[in-house]
PDB file of N, CA and C in Angstrom:
ATOM      1  N   UNK A   1     -10.875 -11.817  -7.755  1.00  0.00           N
ATOM      2  CA  UNK A   1      -9.452 -11.648  -7.895  1.00  0.00           C
ATOM      3  C   UNK A   1      -9.149 -11.025  -9.252  1.00  0.00           C
ATOM      4  N   UNK A   2      -8.081 -10.255  -9.306  1.00  0.00           N
ATOM      5  CA  UNK A   2      -7.622  -9.627 -10.543  1.00  0.00           C
ATOM      6  C   UNK A   2      -6.139  -9.948 -10.693  1.00  0.00           C
ATOM      7  N   UNK A   3      -5.761 -10.525 -11.839  1.00  0.00           N
ATOM      8  CA  UNK A   3      -4.368 -10.929 -12.043  1.00  0.00           C
ATOM      9  C   UNK A   3      -3.936 -10.619 -13.466  1.00  0.00           C
ATOM     10  N   UNK A   4      -2.637 -10.363 -13.617  1.00  0.00           N
ATOM     11  CA  UNK A   4      -2.092 -10.078 -14.935  1.00  0.00           C
ATOM     12  C   UNK A   4      -0.587 -10.323 -14.947  1.00  0.00           C
ATOM     13  N   UNK A   5      -0.041 -10.417 -16.152  1.00  0.00           N
ATOM     14  CA  UNK A   5       1.391 -10.412 -16.355  1.00  0.00           C
ATOM     15  C   UNK A   5       1.698  -9.230 -17.263  1.00  0.00           C
ATOM     16  N   UNK A   6       2.895  -8.691 -17.108  1.00  0.00           N
ATOM     17  CA  UNK A   6       3.244  -7.473 -17.843  1.00  0.00           C
ATOM     18  C   UNK A   6       4.756  -7.440 -18.067  1.00  0.00           C
ATOM     19  N   UNK A   7       5.161  -7.253 -19.312  1.00  0.00           N
ATOM     20  CA  UNK A   7       6.571  -7.038 -19.620  1.00  0.00           C
ATOM     21  C   UNK A   7       6.841  -5.546 -19.538  1.00  0.00           C
ATOM     22  N   UNK A   8       7.828  -5.177 -18.747  1.00  0.00           N
ATOM     23  CA  UNK A   8       8.137  -3.767 -18.556  1.00  0.00           C
ATOM     24  C   UNK A   8       9.532  -3.470 -19.088  1.00  0.00           C
ATOM     25  N   UNK A   9       9.690  -2.354 -19.801  1.00  0.00           N
ATOM     26  CA  UNK A   9      10.964  -2.043 -20.446  1.00  0.00           C
ATOM     27  C   UNK A   9      11.962  -1.373 -19.488  1.00  0.00           C
ATOM     28  N   UNK A  10      12.163  -2.011 -18.346  1.00  0.00           N
ATOM     29  CA  UNK A  10      13.122  -1.507 -17.374  1.00  0.00           C
ATOM     30  C   UNK A  10      13.975  -2.663 -16.869  1.00  0.00           C
ATOM     31  N   UNK A  11      15.100  -2.328 -16.265  1.00  0.00           N
ATOM     32  CA  UNK A  11      15.961  -3.324 -15.648  1.00  0.00           C
ATOM     33  C   UNK A  11      15.923  -3.192 -14.139  1.00  0.00           C
ATOM     34  N   UNK A  12      16.851  -3.894 -13.502  1.00  0.00           N
ATOM     35  CA  UNK A  12      16.889  -3.947 -12.041  1.00  0.00           C
ATOM     36  C   UNK A  12      17.116  -2.583 -11.389  1.00  0.00           C
ATOM     37  N   UNK A  13      17.920  -1.730 -12.000  1.00  0.00           N
ATOM     38  CA  UNK A  13      18.253  -0.439 -11.383  1.00  0.00           C
ATOM     39  C   UNK A  13      17.014   0.448 -11.228  1.00  0.00           C
ATOM     40  N   UNK A  14      16.264   0.600 -12.297  1.00  0.00           N
ATOM     41  CA  UNK A  14      15.054   1.428 -12.212  1.00  0.00           C
ATOM     42  C   UNK A  14      14.021   0.764 -11.312  1.00  0.00           C
ATOM     43  N   UNK A  15      13.910  -0.558 -11.400  1.00  0.00           N
ATOM     44  CA  UNK A  15      12.973  -1.270 -10.523  1.00  0.00           C
ATOM     45  C   UNK A  15      13.306  -1.011  -9.052  1.00  0.00           C
ATOM     46  N   UNK A  16      14.578  -1.038  -8.707  1.00  0.00           N
ATOM     47  CA  UNK A  16      14.992  -0.773  -7.326  1.00  0.00           C
ATOM     48  C   UNK A  16      14.600   0.640  -6.898  1.00  0.00           C
ATOM     49  N   UNK A  17      14.707   1.600  -7.816  1.00  0.00           N
ATOM     50  CA  UNK A  17      14.282   2.967  -7.494  1.00  0.00           C
ATOM     51  C   UNK A  17      12.776   3.038  -7.253  1.00  0.00           C
ATOM     52  N   UNK A  18      12.015   2.299  -8.041  1.00  0.00           N
ATOM     53  CA  UNK A  18      10.561   2.275  -7.857  1.00  0.00           C
ATOM     54  C   UNK A  18      10.220   1.681  -6.489  1.00  0.00           C
ATOM     55  N   UNK A  19      10.844   0.569  -6.139  1.00  0.00           N
ATOM     56  CA  UNK A  19      10.585  -0.081  -4.856  1.00  0.00           C
ATOM     57  C   UNK A  19      10.963   0.848  -3.704  1.00  0.00           C
ATOM     58  N   UNK A  20      12.091   1.534  -3.822  1.00  0.00           N
ATOM     59  CA  UNK A  20      12.493   2.497  -2.782  1.00  0.00           C
ATOM     60  C   UNK A  20      11.455   3.601  -2.632  1.00  0.00           C
ATOM     61  N   UNK A  21      10.949   4.098  -3.767  1.00  0.00           N
ATOM     62  CA  UNK A  21       9.959   5.181  -3.726  1.00  0.00           C
ATOM     63  C   UNK A  21       8.621   4.704  -3.158  1.00  0.00           C
ATOM     64  N   UNK A  22       8.287   3.423  -3.324  1.00  0.00           N
ATOM     65  CA  UNK A  22       7.046   2.883  -2.763  1.00  0.00           C
ATOM     66  C   UNK A  22       7.093   2.838  -1.239  1.00  0.00           C
ATOM     67  N   UNK A  23       8.274   2.645  -0.696  1.00  0.00           N
ATOM     68  CA  UNK A  23       8.409   2.556   0.753  1.00  0.00           C
ATOM     69  C   UNK A  23       8.027   1.183   1.277  1.00  0.00           C
ATOM     70  N   UNK A  24       8.162   0.993   2.586  1.00  0.00           N
ATOM     71  CA  UNK A  24       7.989  -0.342   3.173  1.00  0.00           C
ATOM     72  C   UNK A  24       6.539  -0.780   3.392  1.00  0.00           C
ATOM     73  N   UNK A  25       5.594   0.141   3.346  1.00  0.00           N
ATOM     74  CA  UNK A  25       4.198  -0.224   3.619  1.00  0.00           C
ATOM     75  C   UNK A  25       3.638  -1.073   2.482  1.00  0.00           C
ATOM     76  N   UNK A  26       3.033  -2.230   2.801  1.00  0.00           N
ATOM     77  CA  UNK A  26       2.459  -3.083   1.746  1.00  0.00           C
ATOM     78  C   UNK A  26       1.369  -2.340   0.967  1.00  0.00           C
ATOM     79  N   UNK A  27       1.188  -2.720  -0.275  1.00  0.00           N
ATOM     80  CA  UNK A  27       0.122  -2.153  -1.097  1.00  0.00           C
ATOM     81  C   UNK A  27      -1.182  -2.855  -0.734  1.00  0.00           C
ATOM     82  N   UNK A  28      -2.153  -2.080  -0.330  1.00  0.00           N
ATOM     83  CA  UNK A  28      -3.436  -2.639   0.109  1.00  0.00           C
ATOM     84  C   UNK A  28      -4.099  -3.400  -1.038  1.00  0.00           C
ATOM     85  N   UNK A  29      -4.429  -4.650  -0.779  1.00  0.00           N
ATOM     86  CA  UNK A  29      -5.112  -5.470  -1.769  1.00  0.00           C
ATOM     87  C   UNK A  29      -4.204  -6.295  -2.655  1.00  0.00           C
ATOM     88  N   UNK A  30      -2.888  -6.100  -2.552  1.00  0.00           N
ATOM     89  CA  UNK A  30      -1.967  -6.884  -3.385  1.00  0.00           C
ATOM     90  C   UNK A  30      -1.702  -8.224  -2.711  1.00  0.00           C
ATOM     91  N   UNK A  31      -1.942  -9.314  -3.439  1.00  0.00           N
ATOM     92  CA  UNK A  31      -1.732 -10.653  -2.909  1.00  0.00           C
ATOM     93  C   UNK A  31      -0.392 -11.229  -3.341  1.00  0.00           C
ATOM     94  N   UNK A  32       0.069 -10.860  -4.529  1.00  0.00           N
ATOM     95  CA  UNK A  32       1.325 -11.389  -5.044  1.00  0.00           C
ATOM     96  C   UNK A  32       1.916 -10.404  -6.042  1.00  0.00           C
ATOM     97  N   UNK A  33       3.217 -10.177  -5.942  1.00  0.00           N
ATOM     98  CA  UNK A  33       3.963  -9.418  -6.951  1.00  0.00           C
ATOM     99  C   UNK A  33       5.261 -10.170  -7.155  1.00  0.00           C
ATOM    100  N   UNK A  34       5.370 -10.844  -8.292  1.00  0.00           N
ATOM    101  CA  UNK A  34       6.553 -11.621  -8.640  1.00  0.00           C
ATOM    102  C   UNK A  34       7.214 -10.946  -9.829  1.00  0.00           C
ATOM    103  N   UNK A  35       8.511 -10.715  -9.733  1.00  0.00           N
ATOM    104  CA  UNK A  35       9.266 -10.074 -10.813  1.00  0.00           C
ATOM    105  C   UNK A  35      10.361 -11.034 -11.242  1.00  0.00           C
ATOM    106  N   UNK A  36      10.436 -11.293 -12.544  1.00  0.00           N
ATOM    107  CA  UNK A  36      11.499 -12.129 -13.100  1.00  0.00           C
ATOM    108  C   UNK A  36      12.244 -11.335 -14.164  1.00  0.00           C
ATOM    109  N   UNK A  37      13.518 -11.678 -14.322  1.00  0.00           N
ATOM    110  CA  UNK A  37      14.325 -11.011 -15.344  1.00  0.00           C
ATOM    111  C   UNK A  37      14.336 -11.876 -16.598  1.00  0.00           C
ATOM    112  N   UNK A  38      14.058 -11.258 -17.730  1.00  0.00           N
ATOM    113  CA  UNK A  38      14.048 -11.958 -19.014  1.00  0.00           C
ATOM    114  C   UNK A  38      15.455 -11.987 -19.594  1.00  0.00           C
ATOM    115  N   UNK A  39      15.653 -12.748 -20.652  1.00  0.00           N
ATOM    116  CA  UNK A  39      16.965 -12.873 -21.287  1.00  0.00           C
ATOM    117  C   UNK A  39      17.535 -11.534 -21.752  1.00  0.00           C
ATOM    118  N   UNK A  40      16.659 -10.598 -22.099  1.00  0.00           N
ATOM    119  CA  UNK A  40      17.111  -9.294 -22.595  1.00  0.00           C
ATOM    120  C   UNK A  40      17.408  -8.295 -21.469  1.00  0.00           C
ATOM    121  N   UNK A  41      17.311  -8.743 -20.203  1.00  0.00           N
ATOM    122  CA  UNK A  41      17.598  -7.869 -19.077  1.00  0.00           C
ATOM    123  C   UNK A  41      16.407  -7.065 -18.595  1.00  0.00           C
ATOM    124  N   UNK A  42      15.315  -7.103 -19.355  1.00  0.00           N
ATOM    125  CA  UNK A  42      14.107  -6.399 -18.929  1.00  0.00           C
ATOM    126  C   UNK A  42      13.294  -7.301 -18.001  1.00  0.00           C
ATOM    127  N   UNK A  43      12.309  -6.715 -17.354  1.00  0.00           N
ATOM    128  CA  UNK A  43      11.573  -7.429 -16.323  1.00  0.00           C
ATOM    129  C   UNK A  43      10.168  -7.821 -16.769  1.00  0.00           C
ATOM    130  N   UNK A  44       9.679  -8.878 -16.153  1.00  0.00           N
ATOM    131  CA  UNK A  44       8.292  -9.332 -16.351  1.00  0.00           C
ATOM    132  C   UNK A  44       7.659  -9.421 -14.969  1.00  0.00           C
ATOM    133  N   UNK A  45       6.477  -8.799 -14.837  1.00  0.00           N
ATOM    134  CA  UNK A  45       5.737  -8.820 -13.582  1.00  0.00           C
ATOM    135  C   UNK A  45       4.617  -9.840 -13.667  1.00  0.00           C
ATOM    136  N   UNK A  46       4.341 -10.490 -12.535  1.00  0.00           N
ATOM    137  CA  UNK A  46       3.147 -11.303 -12.341  1.00  0.00           C
ATOM    138  C   UNK A  46       2.477 -10.740 -11.092  1.00  0.00           C
ATOM    139  N   UNK A  47       1.276 -10.229 -11.227  1.00  0.00           N
ATOM    140  CA  UNK A  47       0.581  -9.599 -10.111  1.00  0.00           C
ATOM    141  C   UNK A  47      -0.765 -10.253  -9.878  1.00  0.00           C
ATOM    142  N   UNK A  48      -1.108 -10.407  -8.596  1.00  0.00           N
ATOM    143  CA  UNK A  48      -2.428 -10.883  -8.203  1.00  0.00           C
ATOM    144  C   UNK A  48      -2.934  -9.926  -7.123  1.00  0.00           C
ATOM    145  N   UNK A  49      -4.144  -9.433  -7.327  1.00  0.00           N
ATOM    146  CA  UNK A  49      -4.774  -8.461  -6.432  1.00  0.00           C
ATOM    147  C   UNK A  49      -6.108  -8.991  -5.962  1.00  0.00           C
ATOM    148  N   UNK A  50      -6.571  -8.494  -4.821  1.00  0.00           N
ATOM    149  CA  UNK A  50      -7.897  -8.869  -4.324  1.00  0.00           C
ATOM    150  C   UNK A  50      -8.979  -8.501  -5.327  1.00  0.00           C
ATOM    151  N   UNK A  51      -8.807  -7.354  -6.001  1.00  0.00           N
ATOM    152  CA  UNK A  51      -9.795  -6.902  -6.980  1.00  0.00           C
ATOM    153  C   UNK A  51      -9.139  -5.905  -7.942  1.00  0.00           C
ATOM    154  N   UNK A  52      -9.788  -5.686  -9.054  1.00  0.00           N
ATOM    155  CA  UNK A  52      -9.319  -4.668 -10.002  1.00  0.00           C
ATOM    156  C   UNK A  52      -9.361  -3.282  -9.343  1.00  0.00           C
ATOM    157  N   UNK A  53     -10.373  -3.050  -8.521  1.00  0.00           N
ATOM    158  CA  UNK A  53     -10.498  -1.758  -7.848  1.00  0.00           C
ATOM    159  C   UNK A  53      -9.321  -1.509  -6.907  1.00  0.00           C
ATOM    160  N   UNK A  54      -8.891  -2.538  -6.175  1.00  0.00           N
ATOM    161  CA  UNK A  54      -7.729  -2.389  -5.284  1.00  0.00           C
ATOM    162  C   UNK A  54      -6.485  -2.058  -6.095  1.00  0.00           C
ATOM    163  N   UNK A  55      -6.329  -2.719  -7.239  1.00  0.00           N
ATOM    164  CA  UNK A  55      -5.186  -2.441  -8.114  1.00  0.00           C
ATOM    165  C   UNK A  55      -5.232  -1.001  -8.622  1.00  0.00           C
ATOM    166  N   UNK A  56      -6.379  -0.555  -9.105  1.00  0.00           N
ATOM    167  CA  UNK A  56      -6.482   0.801  -9.653  1.00  0.00           C
ATOM    168  C   UNK A  56      -6.228   1.854  -8.567  1.00  0.00           C
ATOM    169  N   UNK A  57      -6.711   1.630  -7.374  1.00  0.00           N
ATOM    170  CA  UNK A  57      -6.455   2.553  -6.272  1.00  0.00           C
ATOM    171  C   UNK A  57      -4.963   2.626  -5.973  1.00  0.00           C
ATOM    172  N   UNK A  58      -4.299   1.465  -5.917  1.00  0.00           N
ATOM    173  CA  UNK A  58      -2.857   1.444  -5.671  1.00  0.00           C
ATOM    174  C   UNK A  58      -2.091   2.130  -6.801  1.00  0.00           C
ATOM    175  N   UNK A  59      -2.540   1.940  -8.029  1.00  0.00           N
ATOM    176  CA  UNK A  59      -1.881   2.608  -9.165  1.00  0.00           C
ATOM    177  C   UNK A  59      -1.953   4.116  -9.007  1.00  0.00           C
ATOM    178  N   UNK A  60      -3.127   4.626  -8.688  1.00  0.00           N
ATOM    179  CA  UNK A  60      -3.328   6.072  -8.581  1.00  0.00           C
ATOM    180  C   UNK A  60      -2.621   6.682  -7.380  1.00  0.00           C
ATOM    181  N   UNK A  61      -2.661   5.985  -6.248  1.00  0.00           N
ATOM    182  CA  UNK A  61      -2.169   6.592  -5.013  1.00  0.00           C
ATOM    183  C   UNK A  61      -0.723   6.280  -4.677  1.00  0.00           C
ATOM    184  N   UNK A  62      -0.200   5.136  -5.131  1.00  0.00           N
ATOM    185  CA  UNK A  62       1.146   4.740  -4.731  1.00  0.00           C
ATOM    186  C   UNK A  62       2.073   4.397  -5.895  1.00  0.00           C
ATOM    187  N   UNK A  63       1.596   3.575  -6.831  1.00  0.00           N
ATOM    188  CA  UNK A  63       2.499   3.048  -7.862  1.00  0.00           C
ATOM    189  C   UNK A  63       2.910   4.127  -8.854  1.00  0.00           C
ATOM    190  N   UNK A  64       1.957   4.828  -9.460  1.00  0.00           N
ATOM    191  CA  UNK A  64       2.331   5.869 -10.419  1.00  0.00           C
ATOM    192  C   UNK A  64       3.200   6.954  -9.795  1.00  0.00           C
ATOM    193  N   UNK A  65       2.907   7.446  -8.589  1.00  0.00           N
ATOM    194  CA  UNK A  65       3.816   8.420  -7.986  1.00  0.00           C
ATOM    195  C   UNK A  65       5.229   7.866  -7.775  1.00  0.00           C
ATOM    196  N   UNK A  66       5.339   6.586  -7.413  1.00  0.00           N
ATOM    197  CA  UNK A  66       6.660   5.974  -7.227  1.00  0.00           C
ATOM    198  C   UNK A  66       7.400   5.845  -8.554  1.00  0.00           C
ATOM    199  N   UNK A  67       6.683   5.459  -9.607  1.00  0.00           N
ATOM    200  CA  UNK A  67       7.313   5.347 -10.934  1.00  0.00           C
ATOM    201  C   UNK A  67       7.741   6.733 -11.419  1.00  0.00           C
ATOM    202  N   UNK A  68       6.889   7.724 -11.218  1.00  0.00           N
ATOM    203  CA  UNK A  68       7.264   9.099 -11.576  1.00  0.00           C
ATOM    204  C   UNK A  68       8.568   9.497 -10.891  1.00  0.00           C
ATOM    205  N   UNK A  69       8.662   9.241  -9.602  1.00  0.00           N
ATOM    206  CA  UNK A  69       9.862   9.595  -8.837  1.00  0.00           C
ATOM    207  C   UNK A  69      11.088   8.844  -9.360  1.00  0.00           C
ATOM    208  N   UNK A  70      10.922   7.566  -9.695  1.00  0.00           N
ATOM    209  CA  UNK A  70      12.042   6.757 -10.192  1.00  0.00           C
ATOM    210  C   UNK A  70      12.568   7.264 -11.527  1.00  0.00           C
ATOM    211  N   UNK A  71      11.682   7.872 -12.316  1.00  0.00           N
ATOM    212  CA  UNK A  71      12.088   8.401 -13.615  1.00  0.00           C
ATOM    213  C   UNK A  71      12.410   9.893 -13.554  1.00  0.00           C
ATOM    214  N   UNK A  72      12.582  10.422 -12.364  1.00  0.00           N
ATOM    215  CA  UNK A  72      12.981  11.818 -12.228  1.00  0.00           C
ATOM    216  C   UNK A  72      11.848  12.809 -12.393  1.00  0.00           C
ATOM    217  N   UNK A  73      10.623  12.389 -12.175  1.00  0.00           N
ATOM    218  CA  UNK A  73       9.507  13.327 -12.199  1.00  0.00           C
ATOM    219  C   UNK A  73       8.380  12.963 -13.135  1.00  0.00           C
ATOM    220  N   UNK A  74       8.628  12.183 -14.161  1.00  0.00           N
ATOM    221  CA  UNK A  74       7.558  11.806 -15.086  1.00  0.00           C
ATOM    222  C   UNK A  74       7.873  10.451 -15.709  1.00  0.00           C
ATOM    223  N   UNK A  75       6.956   9.526 -15.550  1.00  0.00           N
ATOM    224  CA  UNK A  75       7.142   8.190 -16.137  1.00  0.00           C
ATOM    225  C   UNK A  75       6.992   8.261 -17.653  1.00  0.00           C
ATOM    226  N   UNK A  76       7.445   7.233 -18.357  1.00  0.00           N
ATOM    227  CA  UNK A  76       7.249   7.194 -19.816  1.00  0.00           C
ATOM    228  C   UNK A  76       5.768   7.323 -20.171  1.00  0.00           C
ATOM    229  N   UNK A  77       5.484   7.827 -21.333  1.00  0.00           N
ATOM    230  CA  UNK A  77       4.131   8.177 -21.733  1.00  0.00           C
ATOM    231  C   UNK A  77       3.125   7.053 -21.804  1.00  0.00           C
ATOM    232  N   UNK A  78       3.544   5.833 -22.105  1.00  0.00           N
ATOM    233  CA  UNK A  78       2.580   4.756 -22.316  1.00  0.00           C
ATOM    234  C   UNK A  78       2.798   3.634 -21.308  1.00  0.00           C
ATOM    235  N   UNK A  79       1.709   3.169 -20.732  1.00  0.00           N
ATOM    236  CA  UNK A  79       1.743   2.053 -19.790  1.00  0.00           C
ATOM    237  C   UNK A  79       2.013   0.764 -20.571  1.00  0.00           C
ATOM    238  N   UNK A  80       2.909  -0.105 -20.085  1.00  0.00           N
ATOM    239  CA  UNK A  80       3.118  -1.394 -20.758  1.00  0.00           C
ATOM    240  C   UNK A  80       1.820  -2.201 -20.806  1.00  0.00           C
ATOM    241  N   UNK A  81       1.647  -2.979 -21.836  1.00  0.00           N
ATOM    242  CA  UNK A  81       0.450  -3.796 -22.000  1.00  0.00           C
ATOM    243  C   UNK A  81       0.413  -4.894 -20.949  1.00  0.00           C
ATOM    244  N   UNK A  82      -0.729  -5.047 -20.317  1.00  0.00           N
ATOM    245  CA  UNK A  82      -0.932  -6.097 -19.317  1.00  0.00           C
ATOM    246  C   UNK A  82      -1.780  -7.200 -19.930  1.00  0.00           C
ATOM    247  N   UNK A  83      -1.349  -8.431 -19.736  1.00  0.00           N
ATOM    248  CA  UNK A  83      -2.094  -9.589 -20.221  1.00  0.00           C
ATOM    249  C   UNK A  83      -2.848 -10.204 -19.045  1.00  0.00           C
ATOM    250  N   UNK A  84      -4.174 -10.225 -19.100  1.00  0.00           N
ATOM    251  CA  UNK A  84      -4.948 -10.782 -17.993  1.00  0.00           C
ATOM    252  C   UNK A  84      -4.633 -12.260 -17.767  1.00  0.00           C
ATOM    253  N   UNK A  85      -4.692 -12.663 -16.517  1.00  0.00           N
ATOM    254  CA  UNK A  85      -4.501 -14.061 -16.136  1.00  0.00           C
ATOM    255  C   UNK A  85      -5.728 -14.525 -15.373  1.00  0.00           C
ATOM    256  N   UNK A  86      -6.085 -15.789 -15.536  1.00  0.00           N
ATOM    257  CA  UNK A  86      -7.161 -16.388 -14.760  1.00  0.00           C
ATOM    258  C   UNK A  86      -6.524 -17.225 -13.665  1.00  0.00           C
ATOM    259  N   UNK A  87      -6.731 -16.832 -12.417  1.00  0.00           N
ATOM    260  CA  UNK A  87      -6.148 -17.547 -11.286  1.00  0.00           C
ATOM    261  C   UNK A  87      -7.007 -18.763 -10.973  1.00  0.00           C
ATOM    262  N   UNK A  88      -6.386 -19.914 -10.990  1.00  0.00           N
ATOM    263  CA  UNK A  88      -7.062 -21.159 -10.643  1.00  0.00           C
ATOM    264  C   UNK A  88      -6.828 -21.469  -9.167  1.00  0.00           C
ATOM    265  N   UNK A  89      -5.627 -21.176  -8.677  1.00  0.00           N
ATOM    266  CA  UNK A  89      -5.287 -21.457  -7.294  1.00  0.00           C
ATOM    267  C   UNK A  89      -4.137 -20.551  -6.885  1.00  0.00           C
ATOM    268  N   UNK A  90      -4.159 -20.089  -5.650  1.00  0.00           N
ATOM    269  CA  UNK A  90      -3.084 -19.262  -5.104  1.00  0.00           C
ATOM    270  C   UNK A  90      -2.826 -19.751  -3.691  1.00  0.00           C
ATOM    271  N   UNK A  91      -1.624 -20.306  -3.472  1.00  0.00           N
ATOM    272  CA  UNK A  91      -1.273 -20.836  -2.166  1.00  0.00           C
ATOM    273  C   UNK A  91       0.126 -20.384  -1.786  1.00  0.00           C
ATOM    274  N   UNK A  92       0.477 -20.588  -0.550  1.00  0.00           N
ATOM    275  CA  UNK A  92       1.834 -20.325  -0.091  1.00  0.00           C
ATOM    276  C   UNK A  92       1.899 -19.110   0.796  1.00  0.00           C
ATOM    277  N   UNK A  93       3.041 -18.953   1.394  1.00  0.00           N
ATOM    278  CA  UNK A  93       3.275 -17.835   2.296  1.00  0.00           C
ATOM    279  C   UNK A  93       3.804 -16.648   1.524  1.00  0.00           C
ATOM    280  N   UNK A  94       3.399 -15.470   1.944  1.00  0.00           N
ATOM    281  CA  UNK A  94       3.921 -14.241   1.361  1.00  0.00           C
ATOM    282  C   UNK A  94       5.022 -13.748   2.285  1.00  0.00           C
ATOM    283  N   UNK A  95       6.197 -13.500   1.717  1.00  0.00           N
ATOM    284  CA  UNK A  95       7.330 -13.032   2.497  1.00  0.00           C
ATOM    285  C   UNK A  95       7.668 -11.628   2.025  1.00  0.00           C
ATOM    286  N   UNK A  96       7.619 -10.661   2.912  1.00  0.00           N
ATOM    287  CA  UNK A  96       7.965  -9.288   2.571  1.00  0.00           C
ATOM    288  C   UNK A  96       9.479  -9.177   2.497  1.00  0.00           C
ATOM    289  N   UNK A  97       9.966  -8.782   1.338  1.00  0.00           N
ATOM    290  CA  UNK A  97      11.410  -8.609   1.163  1.00  0.00           C
ATOM    291  C   UNK A  97      11.845  -7.308   1.802  1.00  0.00           C
ATOM    292  N   UNK A  98      12.997  -7.332   2.423  1.00  0.00           N
ATOM    293  CA  UNK A  98      13.558  -6.101   2.988  1.00  0.00           C
ATOM    294  C   UNK A  98      14.213  -5.321   1.863  1.00  0.00           C
ATOM    295  N   UNK A  99      13.837  -4.072   1.735  1.00  0.00           N
ATOM    296  CA  UNK A  99      14.392  -3.229   0.672  1.00  0.00           C
ATOM    297  C   UNK A  99      15.252  -2.157   1.278  1.00  0.00           C
TER     298      UNK A  99
END
């Protein structure tokens, strides 16, 4: 398993554009994507993937193109820092949100 948390310098509006650009098909290998809003209005992601390789494939083929589209053609120059997480347990049902 590969997991991380990441603070991203965007708010709900840009996030919604990214989700729209990703489309309804689930990202292969993604087990959990939780987004919370921080006090400053920016977002924090918690992601759990089957493997680092699944995450990197999704980044190259789906996520980066969606972020590029959300920013009008080119995402900001630097990727936000990701803090690795060690998953001890992952339980519960995954519910696909309608976008």
